[in-house]
Amino acid sequence: MKFAKALTGEFADFFRFRVGDYRVVFSRSQEGLLQIVNVSRIGHRKHIYE
């Protein structure tokens, strides 16, 4: 994904998207031609990975 960054460690199946000081943590899957994005968390960067 162009603007997303893959996470590591226990969050290895997730990606993050940065919006200023906030982060959107999500996973994705694909069913045929359809790509599904499942948003897990949205929060400030200080607290999102706790």
Protein backbone atom coordinates (compact mmCIF):
# COMPACT_ATOMS: atom_id res chain seq x y z
CA MET A 1 0.00 0.00 0.00
CA LYS A 2 1.34 3.37 -0.98
CA PHE A 3 0.70 5.42 2.20
CA ALA A 4 0.48 2.65 4.79
CA LYS A 5 3.33 1.15 6.78
CA ALA A 6 3.42 -2.49 7.91
CA LEU A 7 3.71 -3.00 11.66
CA THR A 8 6.05 -5.52 13.31
CA GLY A 9 6.11 -7.79 16.34
CA GLU A 10 2.77 -8.84 17.76
CA PHE A 11 1.06 -6.45 15.30
CA ALA A 12 2.68 -8.04 12.22
CA ASP A 13 -0.68 -8.64 10.47
CA PHE A 14 -1.59 -4.94 10.69
CA PHE A 15 -0.73 -1.71 8.92
CA ARG A 16 -0.81 1.90 10.07
CA PHE A 17 -1.81 5.05 8.28
CA ARG A 18 -0.60 8.38 9.69
CA VAL A 19 -2.90 11.40 9.89
CA GLY A 20 -0.98 14.17 11.70
CA ASP A 21 -0.52 13.04 15.31
CA TYR A 22 -3.15 10.31 14.93
CA ARG A 23 -2.80 6.76 13.65
CA VAL A 24 -5.29 4.45 11.96
CA VAL A 25 -4.39 0.79 12.56
CA PHE A 26 -5.99 -1.68 10.15
CA SER A 27 -5.73 -5.09 8.54
CA ARG A 28 -6.69 -6.02 5.02
CA SER A 29 -7.86 -9.08 3.15
CA GLN A 30 -8.89 -9.89 -0.36
CA GLU A 31 -11.94 -11.76 -1.62
CA GLY A 32 -11.67 -12.16 -5.37
CA LEU A 33 -11.28 -8.69 -6.87
CA LEU A 34 -12.60 -7.01 -3.72
CA GLN A 35 -10.06 -5.76 -1.17
CA ILE A 36 -11.44 -5.41 2.39
CA VAL A 37 -9.96 -3.03 4.96
CA ASN A 38 -10.83 -3.70 8.63
CA VAL A 39 -10.09 -0.69 10.86
CA SER A 40 -9.01 -1.89 14.32
CA ARG A 41 -8.08 1.31 16.15
CA ILE A 42 -7.90 5.06 15.68
CA GLY A 43 -6.05 7.14 18.25
CA HIS A 44 -3.29 9.52 19.21
CA ARG A 45 0.20 8.25 18.52
CA LYS A 46 1.10 8.25 22.25
CA HIS A 47 -1.65 5.76 23.11
CA ILE A 48 -2.45 3.75 19.99
CA TYR A 49 0.02 0.87 20.51
CA GLU A 50 -0.71 0.24 24.21
